[in-house]
Amino acid sequence: MGFGGISIWQLLIILVIVVLLFGTKKLRNMGGDLGSAIKNFRQSVREGEAEADKGNEDTQHKPLEDKPGRVFDAEATTENKTREGERHS
């Protein structure tokens, strides 16, 4: 038993059928195309991560600005207010 109940002989038969249908040259070209697509994808991911890291570095080193404003010193309280017509007993 091999991969999920498929034996090595069944895999070889599937491989032979695929080679007969597509031919070795076409399979080689498809493999090359797939490999170059994966390579381009990885390169794009690396470039995107580098740009993201560069953007993070720019924002991390900026000092905070001290802007003038108003400060309120207050204490939060809650009050039970009833609406007109609603009375709690």
C-alpha atoms as a PDB file:
ATOM      1  CA  MET A   1       0.000   0.000   0.000  1.00  0.00           C
ATOM      2  CA  GLY A   2       1.244   3.442  -0.883  1.00  0.00           C
ATOM      3  CA  PHE A   3      -0.402   6.815  -0.834  1.00  0.00           C
ATOM      4  CA  GLY A   4      -3.918   6.515   0.602  1.00  0.00           C
ATOM      5  CA  GLY A   5      -4.501   2.945  -0.547  1.00  0.00           C
ATOM      6  CA  ILE A   6      -2.899   3.342  -4.005  1.00  0.00           C
ATOM      7  CA  SER A   7      -0.111   0.874  -4.658  1.00  0.00           C
ATOM      8  CA  ILE A   8       3.102   1.636  -6.550  1.00  0.00           C
ATOM      9  CA  TRP A   9       1.855  -0.414  -9.523  1.00  0.00           C
ATOM     10  CA  GLN A  10      -1.287   1.683  -9.844  1.00  0.00           C
ATOM     11  CA  LEU A  11       0.819   4.860  -9.769  1.00  0.00           C
ATOM     12  CA  LEU A  12       3.087   3.478 -12.503  1.00  0.00           C
ATOM     13  CA  ILE A  13       0.085   2.623 -14.697  1.00  0.00           C
ATOM     14  CA  ILE A  14      -1.273   6.166 -14.261  1.00  0.00           C
ATOM     15  CA  LEU A  15       2.167   7.583 -15.141  1.00  0.00           C
ATOM     16  CA  VAL A  16       2.351   5.481 -18.322  1.00  0.00           C
ATOM     17  CA  ILE A  17      -1.133   6.629 -19.387  1.00  0.00           C
ATOM     18  CA  VAL A  18      -0.222  10.296 -18.792  1.00  0.00           C
ATOM     19  CA  VAL A  19       3.021   9.922 -20.792  1.00  0.00           C
ATOM     20  CA  LEU A  20       1.120   8.256 -23.653  1.00  0.00           C
ATOM     21  CA  LEU A  21      -1.514  11.001 -23.692  1.00  0.00           C
ATOM     22  CA  PHE A  22       0.745  14.039 -23.483  1.00  0.00           C
ATOM     23  CA  GLY A  23       4.175  12.848 -24.556  1.00  0.00           C
ATOM     24  CA  THR A  24       7.429  13.489 -22.749  1.00  0.00           C
ATOM     25  CA  LYS A  25       8.206  16.781 -24.522  1.00  0.00           C
ATOM     26  CA  LYS A  26       4.879  18.339 -23.573  1.00  0.00           C
ATOM     27  CA  LEU A  27       5.227  17.111 -19.980  1.00  0.00           C
ATOM     28  CA  ARG A  28       8.738  18.587 -19.817  1.00  0.00           C
ATOM     29  CA  ASN A  29       7.429  21.936 -21.088  1.00  0.00           C
ATOM     30  CA  MET A  30       4.560  21.891 -18.595  1.00  0.00           C
ATOM     31  CA  GLY A  31       6.992  21.120 -15.785  1.00  0.00           C
ATOM     32  CA  GLY A  32       9.253  23.978 -16.850  1.00  0.00           C
ATOM     33  CA  ASP A  33       6.311  26.372 -17.030  1.00  0.00           C
ATOM     34  CA  LEU A  34       5.133  25.300 -13.600  1.00  0.00           C
ATOM     35  CA  GLY A  35       8.640  25.706 -12.167  1.00  0.00           C
ATOM     36  CA  SER A  36       9.044  29.210 -13.597  1.00  0.00           C
ATOM     37  CA  ALA A  37       5.608  30.190 -12.295  1.00  0.00           C
ATOM     38  CA  ILE A  38       6.558  29.048  -8.788  1.00  0.00           C
ATOM     39  CA  LYS A  39       9.885  30.892  -9.049  1.00  0.00           C
ATOM     40  CA  ASN A  40       8.148  34.133 -10.106  1.00  0.00           C
ATOM     41  CA  PHE A  41       5.598  33.773  -7.311  1.00  0.00           C
ATOM     42  CA  ARG A  42       8.313  33.351  -4.676  1.00  0.00           C
ATOM     43  CA  GLN A  43      10.220  36.342  -6.054  1.00  0.00           C
ATOM     44  CA  SER A  44       7.083  38.490  -5.905  1.00  0.00           C
ATOM     45  CA  VAL A  45       6.431  37.424  -2.309  1.00  0.00           C
ATOM     46  CA  ARG A  46      10.001  38.343  -1.318  1.00  0.00           C
ATOM     47  CA  GLU A  47       9.697  41.751  -3.012  1.00  0.00           C
ATOM     48  CA  GLY A  48       6.371  42.396  -1.298  1.00  0.00           C
ATOM     49  CA  GLU A  49       7.803  41.498   2.102  1.00  0.00           C
ATOM     50  CA  ALA A  50      10.813  43.757   1.501  1.00  0.00           C
ATOM     51  CA  GLU A  51       8.532  46.688   0.606  1.00  0.00           C
ATOM     52  CA  ALA A  52       6.365  46.019   3.665  1.00  0.00           C
ATOM     53  CA  ASP A  53       9.428  45.916   5.929  1.00  0.00           C
ATOM     54  CA  LYS A  54      10.700  49.156   4.403  1.00  0.00           C
ATOM     55  CA  GLY A  55       7.332  50.812   5.035  1.00  0.00           C
ATOM     56  CA  ASN A  56       7.314  49.583   8.642  1.00  0.00           C
ATOM     57  CA  GLU A  57      10.797  50.968   9.274  1.00  0.00           C
ATOM     58  CA  ASP A  58       9.725  54.420   8.087  1.00  0.00           C
ATOM     59  CA  THR A  59       6.768  54.556  10.461  1.00  0.00           C
ATOM     60  CA  GLN A  60       8.515  53.036  13.477  1.00  0.00           C
ATOM     61  CA  HIS A  61      11.242  55.662  13.784  1.00  0.00           C
ATOM     62  CA  LYS A  62       9.069  58.768  13.599  1.00  0.00           C
ATOM     63  CA  PRO A  63       8.849  60.566  16.953  1.00  0.00           C
ATOM     64  CA  LEU A  64       5.400  61.421  18.228  1.00  0.00           C
ATOM     65  CA  GLU A  65       4.403  65.035  17.889  1.00  0.00           C
ATOM     66  CA  ASP A  66       3.410  66.959  20.999  1.00  0.00           C
ATOM     67  CA  LYS A  67       0.317  68.892  19.942  1.00  0.00           C
ATOM     68  CA  PRO A  68      -1.389  71.465  22.146  1.00  0.00           C
ATOM     69  CA  GLY A  69      -4.863  70.541  23.279  1.00  0.00           C
ATOM     70  CA  ARG A  70      -7.320  70.558  26.155  1.00  0.00           C
ATOM     71  CA  VAL A  71      -7.288  68.109  29.027  1.00  0.00           C
ATOM     72  CA  PHE A  72     -10.442  67.396  30.997  1.00  0.00           C
ATOM     73  CA  ASP A  73     -10.152  66.104  34.541  1.00  0.00           C
ATOM     74  CA  ALA A  74     -13.448  64.380  35.221  1.00  0.00           C
ATOM     75  CA  GLU A  75     -14.878  61.347  36.921  1.00  0.00           C
ATOM     76  CA  ALA A  76     -17.376  59.062  35.233  1.00  0.00           C
ATOM     77  CA  THR A  77     -20.650  58.480  37.042  1.00  0.00           C
ATOM     78  CA  THR A  78     -23.837  56.638  36.187  1.00  0.00           C
ATOM     79  CA  GLU A  79     -27.308  57.777  37.114  1.00  0.00           C
ATOM     80  CA  ASN A  80     -30.571  55.928  36.848  1.00  0.00           C
ATOM     81  CA  LYS A  81     -32.852  58.062  34.748  1.00  0.00           C
ATOM     82  CA  THR A  82     -36.426  57.028  34.118  1.00  0.00           C
ATOM     83  CA  ARG A  83     -38.446  58.102  31.162  1.00  0.00           C
ATOM     84  CA  GLU A  84     -41.656  59.927  31.639  1.00  0.00           C
ATOM     85  CA  GLY A  85     -44.412  57.404  32.190  1.00  0.00           C
ATOM     86  CA  GLU A  86     -42.035  54.631  33.308  1.00  0.00           C
ATOM     87  CA  ARG A  87     -41.817  54.257  37.054  1.00  0.00           C
ATOM     88  CA  HIS A  88     -39.926  51.521  38.846  1.00  0.00           C
ATOM     89  CA  SER A  89     -41.464  50.304  42.098  1.00  0.00           C
END
